[in-house]
PDB file of N, CA and C in Angstrom:
ATOM      1  N   MET A   1      58.301 -34.184  56.435  1.00  0.00           N
ATOM      2  CA  MET A   1      58.708 -32.821  56.129  1.00  0.00           C
ATOM      3  C   MET A   1      57.966 -31.875  57.064  1.00  0.00           C
ATOM      4  N   THR A   2      58.675 -30.942  57.664  1.00  0.00           N
ATOM      5  CA  THR A   2      58.050 -29.995  58.575  1.00  0.00           C
ATOM      6  C   THR A   2      57.317 -28.923  57.784  1.00  0.00           C
ATOM      7  N   GLU A   3      56.432 -28.190  58.489  1.00  0.00           N
ATOM      8  CA  GLU A   3      55.687 -27.119  57.830  1.00  0.00           C
ATOM      9  C   GLU A   3      56.621 -26.082  57.246  1.00  0.00           C
ATOM     10  N   GLU A   4      57.640 -25.708  58.021  1.00  0.00           N
ATOM     11  CA  GLU A   4      58.575 -24.678  57.579  1.00  0.00           C
ATOM     12  C   GLU A   4      59.320 -25.111  56.323  1.00  0.00           C
ATOM     13  N   SER A   5      59.810 -26.347  56.316  1.00  0.00           N
ATOM     14  CA  SER A   5      60.536 -26.819  55.139  1.00  0.00           C
ATOM     15  C   SER A   5      59.594 -27.030  53.965  1.00  0.00           C
ATOM     16  N   SER A   6      58.347 -27.355  54.256  1.00  0.00           N
ATOM     17  CA  SER A   6      57.355 -27.507  53.198  1.00  0.00           C
ATOM     18  C   SER A   6      57.092 -26.171  52.514  1.00  0.00           C
ATOM     19  N   VAL A   7      56.956 -25.116  53.301  1.00  0.00           N
ATOM     20  CA  VAL A   7      56.739 -23.773  52.755  1.00  0.00           C
ATOM     21  C   VAL A   7      57.978 -23.331  51.982  1.00  0.00           C
ATOM     22  N   ALA A   8      59.139 -23.559  52.548  1.00  0.00           N
ATOM     23  CA  ALA A   8      60.379 -23.177  51.874  1.00  0.00           C
ATOM     24  C   ALA A   8      60.531 -23.952  50.567  1.00  0.00           C
ATOM     25  N   GLY A   9      60.179 -25.222  50.596  1.00  0.00           N
ATOM     26  CA  GLY A   9      60.246 -26.046  49.386  1.00  0.00           C
ATOM     27  C   GLY A   9      59.293 -25.554  48.321  1.00  0.00           C
ATOM     28  N   LEU A  10      58.104 -25.138  48.738  1.00  0.00           N
ATOM     29  CA  LEU A  10      57.123 -24.608  47.798  1.00  0.00           C
ATOM     30  C   LEU A  10      57.638 -23.323  47.176  1.00  0.00           C
ATOM     31  N   GLU A  11      58.176 -22.444  48.002  1.00  0.00           N
ATOM     32  CA  GLU A  11      58.701 -21.177  47.492  1.00  0.00           C
ATOM     33  C   GLU A  11      59.871 -21.410  46.537  1.00  0.00           C
ATOM     34  N   LYS A  12      60.744 -22.335  46.886  1.00  0.00           N
ATOM     35  CA  LYS A  12      61.891 -22.642  46.024  1.00  0.00           C
ATOM     36  C   LYS A  12      61.412 -23.214  44.689  1.00  0.00           C
ATOM     37  N   SER A  13      60.423 -24.093  44.740  1.00  0.00           N
ATOM     38  CA  SER A  13      59.887 -24.678  43.515  1.00  0.00           C
ATOM     39  C   SER A  13      59.260 -23.616  42.626  1.00  0.00           C
ATOM     40  N   LEU A  14      58.526 -22.690  43.229  1.00  0.00           N
ATOM     41  CA  LEU A  14      57.910 -21.611  42.452  1.00  0.00           C
ATOM     42  C   LEU A  14      58.968 -20.715  41.805  1.00  0.00           C
ATOM     43  N   GLU A  15      60.031 -20.425  42.547  1.00  0.00           N
ATOM     44  CA  GLU A  15      61.119 -19.614  41.993  1.00  0.00           C
ATOM     45  C   GLU A  15      61.781 -20.324  40.816  1.00  0.00           C
ATOM     46  N   GLU A  16      62.000 -21.629  40.970  1.00  0.00           N
ATOM     47  CA  GLU A  16      62.621 -22.389  39.883  1.00  0.00           C
ATOM     48  C   GLU A  16      61.702 -22.437  38.667  1.00  0.00           C
ATOM     49  N   LEU A  17      60.399 -22.591  38.915  1.00  0.00           N
ATOM     50  CA  LEU A  17      59.438 -22.588  37.809  1.00  0.00           C
ATOM     51  C   LEU A  17      59.482 -21.267  37.045  1.00  0.00           C
ATOM     52  N   GLU A  18      59.541 -20.171  37.771  1.00  0.00           N
ATOM     53  CA  GLU A  18      59.622 -18.855  37.130  1.00  0.00           C
ATOM     54  C   GLU A  18      60.882 -18.737  36.278  1.00  0.00           C
ATOM     55  N   ALA A  19      62.005 -19.217  36.800  1.00  0.00           N
ATOM     56  CA  ALA A  19      63.263 -19.152  36.061  1.00  0.00           C
ATOM     57  C   ALA A  19      63.193 -20.002  34.795  1.00  0.00           C
ATOM     58  N   LEU A  20      62.626 -21.200  34.914  1.00  0.00           N
ATOM     59  CA  LEU A  20      62.479 -22.072  33.744  1.00  0.00           C
ATOM     60  C   LEU A  20      61.605 -21.410  32.686  1.00  0.00           C
ATOM     61  N   LEU A  21      60.515 -20.820  33.122  1.00  0.00           N
ATOM     62  CA  LEU A  21      59.591 -20.174  32.199  1.00  0.00           C
ATOM     63  C   LEU A  21      60.269 -19.017  31.463  1.00  0.00           C
ATOM     64  N   LYS A  22      61.021 -18.223  32.197  1.00  0.00           N
ATOM     65  CA  LYS A  22      61.744 -17.101  31.563  1.00  0.00           C
ATOM     66  C   LYS A  22      62.684 -17.601  30.469  1.00  0.00           C
ATOM     67  N   GLU A  23      63.436 -18.649  30.804  1.00  0.00           N
ATOM     68  CA  GLU A  23      64.375 -19.198  29.826  1.00  0.00           C
ATOM     69  C   GLU A  23      63.644 -19.746  28.605  1.00  0.00           C
ATOM     70  N   MET A  24      62.517 -20.418  28.840  1.00  0.00           N
ATOM     71  CA  MET A  24      61.766 -20.980  27.725  1.00  0.00           C
ATOM     72  C   MET A  24      61.155 -19.879  26.858  1.00  0.00           C
ATOM     73  N   GLU A  25      60.686 -18.817  27.503  1.00  0.00           N
ATOM     74  CA  GLU A  25      60.078 -17.722  26.758  1.00  0.00           C
ATOM     75  C   GLU A  25      61.100 -16.933  25.948  1.00  0.00           C
ATOM     76  N   SER A  26      62.369 -17.023  26.331  1.00  0.00           N
ATOM     77  CA  SER A  26      63.401 -16.288  25.604  1.00  0.00           C
ATOM     78  C   SER A  26      63.531 -16.792  24.168  1.00  0.00           C
ATOM     79  N   GLY A  27      63.178 -18.043  23.956  1.00  0.00           N
ATOM     80  CA  GLY A  27      63.259 -18.615  22.619  1.00  0.00           C
ATOM     81  C   GLY A  27      64.671 -18.976  22.198  1.00  0.00           C
ATOM     82  N   GLU A  28      65.603 -18.928  23.121  1.00  0.00           N
ATOM     83  CA  GLU A  28      66.999 -19.185  22.787  1.00  0.00           C
ATOM     84  C   GLU A  28      67.454 -20.599  23.146  1.00  0.00           C
ATOM     85  N   LEU A  29      66.544 -21.432  23.636  1.00  0.00           N
ATOM     86  CA  LEU A  29      66.906 -22.800  24.003  1.00  0.00           C
ATOM     87  C   LEU A  29      66.795 -23.720  22.791  1.00  0.00           C
ATOM     88  N   THR A  30      67.627 -24.739  22.798  1.00  0.00           N
ATOM     89  CA  THR A  30      67.477 -25.775  21.773  1.00  0.00           C
ATOM     90  C   THR A  30      66.211 -26.562  22.094  1.00  0.00           C
ATOM     91  N   LEU A  31      65.730 -27.310  21.149  1.00  0.00           N
ATOM     92  CA  LEU A  31      64.540 -28.125  21.371  1.00  0.00           C
ATOM     93  C   LEU A  31      64.771 -29.094  22.529  1.00  0.00           C
ATOM     94  N   GLU A  32      65.933 -29.701  22.558  1.00  0.00           N
ATOM     95  CA  GLU A  32      66.257 -30.651  23.619  1.00  0.00           C
ATOM     96  C   GLU A  32      66.239 -29.976  24.996  1.00  0.00           C
ATOM     97  N   ALA A  33      66.829 -28.790  25.090  1.00  0.00           N
ATOM     98  CA  ALA A  33      66.859 -28.054  26.357  1.00  0.00           C
ATOM     99  C   ALA A  33      65.454 -27.606  26.750  1.00  0.00           C
ATOM    100  N   ALA A  34      64.672 -27.171  25.775  1.00  0.00           N
ATOM    101  CA  ALA A  34      63.304 -26.746  26.052  1.00  0.00           C
ATOM    102  C   ALA A  34      62.472 -27.911  26.574  1.00  0.00           C
ATOM    103  N   LEU A  35      62.653 -29.081  25.996  1.00  0.00           N
ATOM    104  CA  LEU A  35      61.927 -30.267  26.467  1.00  0.00           C
ATOM    105  C   LEU A  35      62.357 -30.648  27.880  1.00  0.00           C
ATOM    106  N   ALA A  36      63.644 -30.536  28.167  1.00  0.00           N
ATOM    107  CA  ALA A  36      64.141 -30.838  29.518  1.00  0.00           C
ATOM    108  C   ALA A  36      63.558 -29.835  30.518  1.00  0.00           C
ATOM    109  N   HIS A  37      63.506 -28.560  30.140  1.00  0.00           N
ATOM    110  CA  HIS A  37      62.919 -27.532  31.002  1.00  0.00           C
ATOM    111  C   HIS A  37      61.433 -27.821  31.233  1.00  0.00           C
ATOM    112  N   PHE A  38      60.746 -28.210  30.162  1.00  0.00           N
ATOM    113  CA  PHE A  38      59.320 -28.506  30.269  1.00  0.00           C
ATOM    114  C   PHE A  38      59.093 -29.681  31.220  1.00  0.00           C
ATOM    115  N   GLU A  39      59.893 -30.722  31.069  1.00  0.00           N
ATOM    116  CA  GLU A  39      59.771 -31.901  31.937  1.00  0.00           C
ATOM    117  C   GLU A  39      60.006 -31.524  33.399  1.00  0.00           C
ATOM    118  N   ARG A  40      61.029 -30.721  33.653  1.00  0.00           N
ATOM    119  CA  ARG A  40      61.317 -30.268  35.016  1.00  0.00           C
ATOM    120  C   ARG A  40      60.159 -29.423  35.546  1.00  0.00           C
ATOM    121  N   GLY A  41      59.610 -28.577  34.683  1.00  0.00           N
ATOM    122  CA  GLY A  41      58.480 -27.734  35.068  1.00  0.00           C
ATOM    123  C   GLY A  41      57.260 -28.545  35.469  1.00  0.00           C
ATOM    124  N   VAL A  42      56.995 -29.622  34.746  1.00  0.00           N
ATOM    125  CA  VAL A  42      55.866 -30.495  35.077  1.00  0.00           C
ATOM    126  C   VAL A  42      56.076 -31.123  36.455  1.00  0.00           C
ATOM    127  N   LYS A  43      57.299 -31.587  36.719  1.00  0.00           N
ATOM    128  CA  LYS A  43      57.602 -32.183  38.033  1.00  0.00           C
ATOM    129  C   LYS A  43      57.432 -31.159  39.152  1.00  0.00           C
ATOM    130  N   LEU A  44      57.939 -29.954  38.929  1.00  0.00           N
ATOM    131  CA  LEU A  44      57.821 -28.903  39.945  1.00  0.00           C
ATOM    132  C   LEU A  44      56.356 -28.524  40.180  1.00  0.00           C
ATOM    133  N   THR A  45      55.589 -28.454  39.113  1.00  0.00           N
ATOM    134  CA  THR A  45      54.171 -28.125  39.229  1.00  0.00           C
ATOM    135  C   THR A  45      53.442 -29.169  40.067  1.00  0.00           C
ATOM    136  N   ARG A  46      53.754 -30.413  39.843  1.00  0.00           N
ATOM    137  CA  ARG A  46      53.128 -31.498  40.628  1.00  0.00           C
ATOM    138  C   ARG A  46      53.518 -31.399  42.101  1.00  0.00           C
ATOM    139  N   GLN A  47      54.785 -31.070  42.363  1.00  0.00           N
ATOM    140  CA  GLN A  47      55.228 -30.909  43.748  1.00  0.00           C
ATOM    141  C   GLN A  47      54.471 -29.763  44.419  1.00  0.00           C
ATOM    142  N   CYS A  48      54.314 -28.668  43.699  1.00  0.00           N
ATOM    143  CA  CYS A  48      53.604 -27.503  44.239  1.00  0.00           C
ATOM    144  C   CYS A  48      52.140 -27.845  44.515  1.00  0.00           C
ATOM    145  N   GLN A  49      51.515 -28.543  43.574  1.00  0.00           N
ATOM    146  CA  GLN A  49      50.118 -28.922  43.764  1.00  0.00           C
ATOM    147  C   GLN A  49      49.957 -29.813  44.987  1.00  0.00           C
ATOM    148  N   LYS A  50      50.884 -30.736  45.172  1.00  0.00           N
ATOM    149  CA  LYS A  50      50.830 -31.635  46.326  1.00  0.00           C
ATOM    150  C   LYS A  50      50.977 -30.840  47.623  1.00  0.00           C
ATOM    151  N   ALA A  51      51.920 -29.910  47.661  1.00  0.00           N
ATOM    152  CA  ALA A  51      52.136 -29.096  48.857  1.00  0.00           C
ATOM    153  C   ALA A  51      50.901 -28.251  49.167  1.00  0.00           C
ATOM    154  N   LEU A  52      50.278 -27.691  48.139  1.00  0.00           N
ATOM    155  CA  LEU A  52      49.079 -26.885  48.351  1.00  0.00           C
ATOM    156  C   LEU A  52      47.901 -27.739  48.821  1.00  0.00           C
ATOM    157  N   GLN A  53      47.776 -28.944  48.287  1.00  0.00           N
ATOM    158  CA  GLN A  53      46.718 -29.847  48.742  1.00  0.00           C
ATOM    159  C   GLN A  53      46.911 -30.224  50.210  1.00  0.00           C
ATOM    160  N   GLU A  54      48.160 -30.479  50.588  1.00  0.00           N
ATOM    161  CA  GLU A  54      48.446 -30.817  51.984  1.00  0.00           C
ATOM    162  C   GLU A  54      48.100 -29.642  52.899  1.00  0.00           C
ATOM    163  N   ALA A  55      48.424 -28.440  52.468  1.00  0.00           N
ATOM    164  CA  ALA A  55      48.102 -27.254  53.266  1.00  0.00           C
ATOM    165  C   ALA A  55      46.591 -27.094  53.390  1.00  0.00           C
ATOM    166  N   GLU A  56      45.890 -27.324  52.308  1.00  0.00           N
ATOM    167  CA  GLU A  56      44.428 -27.217  52.335  1.00  0.00           C
ATOM    168  C   GLU A  56      43.828 -28.250  53.292  1.00  0.00           C
ATOM    169  N   GLN A  57      44.363 -29.457  53.280  1.00  0.00           N
ATOM    170  CA  GLN A  57      43.881 -30.499  54.192  1.00  0.00           C
ATOM    171  C   GLN A  57      44.128 -30.101  55.644  1.00  0.00           C
ATOM    172  N   LYS A  58      45.279 -29.511  55.925  1.00  0.00           N
ATOM    173  CA  LYS A  58      45.582 -29.082  57.293  1.00  0.00           C
ATOM    174  C   LYS A  58      44.597 -28.013  57.749  1.00  0.00           C
ATOM    175  N   VAL A  59      44.287 -27.086  56.858  1.00  0.00           N
ATOM    176  CA  VAL A  59      43.323 -26.031  57.192  1.00  0.00           C
ATOM    177  C   VAL A  59      41.955 -26.642  57.486  1.00  0.00           C
ATOM    178  N   GLU A  60      41.533 -27.585  56.646  1.00  0.00           N
ATOM    179  CA  GLU A  60      40.239 -28.230  56.861  1.00  0.00           C
ATOM    180  C   GLU A  60      40.209 -28.968  58.196  1.00  0.00           C
ATOM    181  N   ILE A  61      41.287 -29.654  58.526  1.00  0.00           N
ATOM    182  CA  ILE A  61      41.370 -30.378  59.800  1.00  0.00           C
ATOM    183  C   ILE A  61      41.286 -29.401  60.964  1.00  0.00           C
ATOM    184  N   LEU A  62      42.031 -28.298  60.865  1.00  0.00           N
ATOM    185  CA  LEU A  62      42.005 -27.305  61.944  1.00  0.00           C
ATOM    186  C   LEU A  62      40.616 -26.692  62.105  1.00  0.00           C
ATOM    187  N   LEU A  63      39.927 -26.439  61.011  1.00  0.00           N
ATOM    188  CA  LEU A  63      38.581 -25.865  61.092  1.00  0.00           C
ATOM    189  C   LEU A  63      37.588 -26.867  61.684  1.00  0.00           C
ATOM    190  N   LYS A  64      37.806 -28.147  61.421  1.00  0.00           N
ATOM    191  CA  LYS A  64      36.923 -29.169  61.992  1.00  0.00           C
ATOM    192  C   LYS A  64      37.127 -29.269  63.498  1.00  0.00           C
ATOM    193  N   LYS A  65      38.366 -29.041  63.947  1.00  0.00           N
ATOM    194  CA  LYS A  65      38.645 -29.087  65.381  1.00  0.00           C
ATOM    195  C   LYS A  65      38.039 -27.878  66.089  1.00  0.00           C
ATOM    196  N   SER A  66      37.912 -26.778  65.378  1.00  0.00           N
ATOM    197  CA  SER A  66      37.327 -25.550  65.925  1.00  0.00           C
ATOM    198  C   SER A  66      36.230 -25.077  64.980  1.00  0.00           C
ATOM    199  N   PRO A  67      35.059 -25.717  65.028  1.00  0.00           N
ATOM    200  CA  PRO A  67      34.005 -25.396  64.065  1.00  0.00           C
ATOM    201  C   PRO A  67      33.554 -23.934  64.127  1.00  0.00           C
ATOM    202  N   GLU A  68      33.752 -23.281  65.255  1.00  0.00           N
ATOM    203  CA  GLU A  68      33.335 -21.884  65.354  1.00  0.00           C
ATOM    204  C   GLU A  68      34.337 -20.938  64.684  1.00  0.00           C
ATOM    205  N   ALA A  69      35.511 -21.451  64.315  1.00  0.00           N
ATOM    206  CA  ALA A  69      36.528 -20.621  63.661  1.00  0.00           C
ATOM    207  C   ALA A  69      36.043 -20.192  62.286  1.00  0.00           C
ATOM    208  N   GLN A  70      36.271 -18.938  61.983  1.00  0.00           N
ATOM    209  CA  GLN A  70      35.879 -18.383  60.692  1.00  0.00           C
ATOM    210  C   GLN A  70      37.124 -18.002  59.903  1.00  0.00           C
ATOM    211  N   PRO A  71      37.118 -18.268  58.600  1.00  0.00           N
ATOM    212  CA  PRO A  71      38.263 -17.847  57.787  1.00  0.00           C
ATOM    213  C   PRO A  71      38.397 -16.331  57.806  1.00  0.00           C
ATOM    214  N   GLU A  72      39.611 -15.850  57.784  1.00  0.00           N
ATOM    215  CA  GLU A  72      39.874 -14.411  57.776  1.00  0.00           C
ATOM    216  C   GLU A  72      40.803 -14.100  56.600  1.00  0.00           C
ATOM    217  N   PRO A  73      40.736 -12.878  56.099  1.00  0.00           N
ATOM    218  CA  PRO A  73      41.648 -12.502  55.014  1.00  0.00           C
ATOM    219  C   PRO A  73      43.097 -12.605  55.473  1.00  0.00           C
ATOM    220  N   PHE A  74      43.949 -13.049  54.567  1.00  0.00           N
ATOM    221  CA  PHE A  74      45.358 -13.184  54.874  1.00  0.00           C
ATOM    222  C   PHE A  74      46.076 -11.902  54.517  1.00  0.00           C
ATOM    223  N   ASP A  75      46.760 -11.306  55.499  1.00  0.00           N
ATOM    224  CA  ASP A  75      47.556 -10.109  55.266  1.00  0.00           C
ATOM    225  C   ASP A  75      49.012 -10.517  55.220  1.00  0.00           C
ATOM    226  N   SER A  76      49.579 -10.520  54.022  1.00  0.00           N
ATOM    227  CA  SER A  76      50.965 -10.905  53.858  1.00  0.00           C
ATOM    228  C   SER A  76      51.883  -9.757  54.256  1.00  0.00           C
ATOM    229  N   ALA A  77      52.964 -10.092  54.919  1.00  0.00           N
ATOM    230  CA  ALA A  77      53.940  -9.068  55.315  1.00  0.00           C
ATOM    231  C   ALA A  77      54.688  -8.538  54.090  1.00  0.00           C
ATOM    232  N   ASP A  78      54.654  -9.319  52.978  1.00  0.00           N
ATOM    233  CA  ASP A  78      55.345  -8.911  51.753  1.00  0.00           C
ATOM    234  C   ASP A  78      54.615  -7.797  51.019  1.00  0.00           C
ATOM    235  N   GLU A  79      53.347  -7.641  51.282  1.00  0.00           N
ATOM    236  CA  GLU A  79      52.550  -6.653  50.531  1.00  0.00           C
ATOM    237  C   GLU A  79      52.639  -5.289  51.117  1.00  0.00           C
TER     238      GLU A  79
END
């Protein structure tokens, strides 16, 4: 998986998690549907955690290659 698709996959997973949570919080789901949403949410959470761990490992590798590099605050274009 490329970096770009990994980021896109993470963003898509987070969006789906938010949608699942909204539906579950509405209280209008049947028990069966709520359990299915919960199961999907657990899978998505694990995928997100894996993607974040991979990103963290890449950062650590890059910093080891350039030990003089210092972390800097991230300025998101969305903010």
